[in-house]
Amino acid sequence: QVHLVESGGGLVQAGGSLRLSCAASGRSLSTSCMGWFRQAPGKEREFVAAISWNGGVTYYADSVKGRFTISRDNAKNTVYLQMNNLKEDDTAVYYCAAAAKFIATREYNYDDWGQGTQVTVSS
C-alpha cells in the first residue's frame, strides 16, 4: 500500500489562499489517479478534485471550480491542491487519496487515504 501524508492546512481568512500537499511513500504514484476529498463538521465526506495518472485530465466539484487547482509532480511523488479565494464553507478536513483508475470522482474508487489536514477559513 501507499502511505499518504497531507500537509499545508491551517487557519486562513476568507478570500485567502492555501496550498495543500500530499506526499507519498511506499511506491510511485505514477500509475494512480489522485484525488482530494473533504469532510466538514456535521457533513459527509465529499469529492473535491481528481487528477489522472499523467496529469492530463482533471475534475472538480462544482463548488470549487475556478478557485481550486489540483496538480501532481510524479517525479516528487507528490500531489497538490492550490486553494484560492477560500470561503468559510471550505472549512473541512482535507484528505488525499489514491485510486487504481485513470480518473475517479467517487469515494469508493479510492483505496489509499491519508490522515487528513485541517483547513479552517474564518469570515
Protein backbone atom coordinates (compact mmCIF):
# COMPACT_ATOMS: atom_id res chain seq x y z
CA GLN A 1 0.00 0.00 0.00
CA VAL A 2 0.91 3.62 -0.44
CA HIS A 3 1.38 5.79 2.62
CA LEU A 4 -0.02 9.29 2.07
CA VAL A 5 0.65 12.30 4.26
CA GLU A 6 -1.15 15.61 3.80
CA SER A 7 0.29 18.94 4.85
CA GLY A 8 -0.30 22.64 4.35
CA GLY A 9 -3.55 23.09 6.20
CA GLY A 10 -4.15 25.85 8.66
CA LEU A 11 -6.20 28.90 9.51
CA VAL A 12 -6.85 31.47 6.80
CA GLN A 13 -9.22 34.38 6.33
CA ALA A 14 -11.94 34.28 3.71
CA GLY A 15 -10.55 35.31 0.35
CA GLY A 16 -7.12 33.95 1.17
CA SER A 17 -5.20 31.02 -0.26
CA LEU A 18 -3.58 27.81 0.86
CA ARG A 19 -1.70 25.07 -0.92
CA LEU A 20 -2.08 21.54 0.33
CA SER A 21 0.50 18.88 -0.39
CA CYS A 22 0.22 15.12 -0.32
CA ALA A 23 3.48 13.21 -0.14
CA ALA A 24 3.55 9.50 -0.91
CA SER A 25 5.88 6.77 0.19
CA GLY A 26 5.98 3.04 -0.42
CA ARG A 27 5.62 3.15 -4.18
CA SER A 28 5.41 5.58 -7.05
CA LEU A 29 2.13 7.39 -7.71
CA SER A 30 2.73 7.45 -11.44
CA THR A 31 0.07 4.81 -12.14
CA SER A 32 -2.54 6.15 -9.71
CA CYS A 33 -5.33 8.63 -10.07
CA MET A 34 -5.04 11.06 -7.19
CA GLY A 35 -7.93 12.82 -5.53
CA TRP A 36 -8.78 15.26 -2.80
CA PHE A 37 -11.84 14.90 -0.60
CA ARG A 38 -13.04 16.90 2.36
CA GLN A 39 -15.31 16.48 5.33
CA ALA A 40 -16.84 19.47 7.04
CA PRO A 41 -18.28 19.39 10.56
CA GLY A 42 -21.62 17.63 10.57
CA LYS A 43 -21.38 16.66 6.90
CA GLU A 44 -20.39 13.60 4.91
CA ARG A 45 -17.10 13.35 3.10
CA GLU A 46 -17.33 14.87 -0.37
CA PHE A 47 -15.31 14.90 -3.55
CA VAL A 48 -13.20 17.98 -4.25
CA ALA A 49 -10.84 17.29 -7.15
CA ALA A 50 -9.08 14.49 -9.03
CA ILE A 51 -6.23 14.19 -11.48
CA SER A 52 -5.31 11.36 -13.85
CA TRP A 53 -2.11 9.34 -13.81
CA ASN A 54 -0.24 11.67 -16.14
CA GLY A 55 -1.95 14.87 -15.05
CA GLY A 56 -3.76 15.26 -18.36
CA VAL A 57 -7.33 15.02 -17.05
CA THR A 58 -8.78 16.82 -14.05
CA TYR A 59 -12.21 17.02 -12.45
CA TYR A 60 -13.54 19.40 -9.85
CA ALA A 61 -16.60 19.64 -7.70
CA ASP A 62 -18.86 22.47 -8.82
CA SER A 63 -18.35 24.21 -5.51
CA VAL A 64 -14.61 24.68 -6.11
CA LYS A 65 -14.39 25.18 -9.88
CA GLY A 66 -12.44 28.29 -10.74
CA ARG A 67 -10.98 28.52 -7.25
CA PHE A 68 -9.08 25.27 -6.67
CA THR A 69 -6.42 23.66 -8.84
CA ILE A 70 -5.15 20.11 -8.49
CA SER A 71 -1.73 19.21 -9.82
CA ARG A 72 0.85 16.49 -9.44
CA ASP A 73 4.57 16.01 -9.72
CA ASN A 74 5.24 12.33 -10.23
CA ALA A 75 8.99 12.86 -10.04
CA LYS A 76 8.48 14.11 -6.47
CA ASN A 77 5.72 11.58 -5.75
CA THR A 78 3.52 14.45 -4.61
CA VAL A 79 0.08 15.85 -5.42
CA TYR A 80 -1.05 19.38 -4.63
CA LEU A 81 -4.26 21.30 -4.15
CA GLN A 82 -3.98 25.04 -4.65
CA MET A 83 -6.95 26.72 -2.99
CA ASN A 84 -7.69 30.34 -3.82
CA ASN A 85 -10.48 32.69 -2.79
CA LEU A 86 -11.31 30.49 0.15
CA LYS A 87 -14.77 30.67 1.67
CA GLU A 88 -15.99 29.88 5.14
CA ASP A 89 -17.78 26.78 3.85
CA ASP A 90 -14.46 25.41 2.60
CA THR A 91 -13.65 24.68 6.23
CA ALA A 92 -13.09 20.94 6.50
CA VAL A 93 -10.56 18.20 6.98
CA TYR A 94 -9.00 17.59 3.58
CA TYR A 95 -7.94 14.09 2.60
CA CYS A 96 -5.62 12.93 -0.14
CA ALA A 97 -6.36 9.56 -1.75
CA ALA A 98 -5.06 7.26 -4.48
CA ALA A 99 -7.15 5.14 -6.87
CA ALA A 100 -6.27 2.35 -9.28
CA LYS A 101 -8.14 4.14 -12.06
CA PHE A 102 -7.30 6.52 -14.85
CA ILE A 103 -9.66 9.08 -13.32
CA ALA A 104 -12.18 8.75 -10.49
CA THR A 105 -14.56 11.01 -8.58
CA ARG A 106 -16.27 8.56 -6.24
CA GLU A 107 -15.00 7.81 -2.77
CA TYR A 108 -15.36 4.05 -3.24
CA ASN A 109 -12.88 4.09 -6.12
CA TYR A 110 -10.07 5.17 -3.83
CA ASP A 111 -8.03 2.59 -1.96
CA ASP A 112 -5.37 4.50 -0.05
CA TRP A 113 -6.07 7.51 2.14
CA GLY A 114 -4.06 9.98 4.13
CA GLN A 115 -4.83 11.06 7.68
CA GLY A 116 -6.15 14.46 6.61
CA THR A 117 -5.19 18.06 7.23
CA GLN A 118 -7.44 20.68 8.77
CA VAL A 119 -8.35 23.79 6.79
CA THR A 120 -10.22 26.47 8.68
CA VAL A 121 -11.49 29.57 6.91
CA SER A 122 -12.62 32.48 9.03
CA SER A 123 -15.02 35.19 7.91
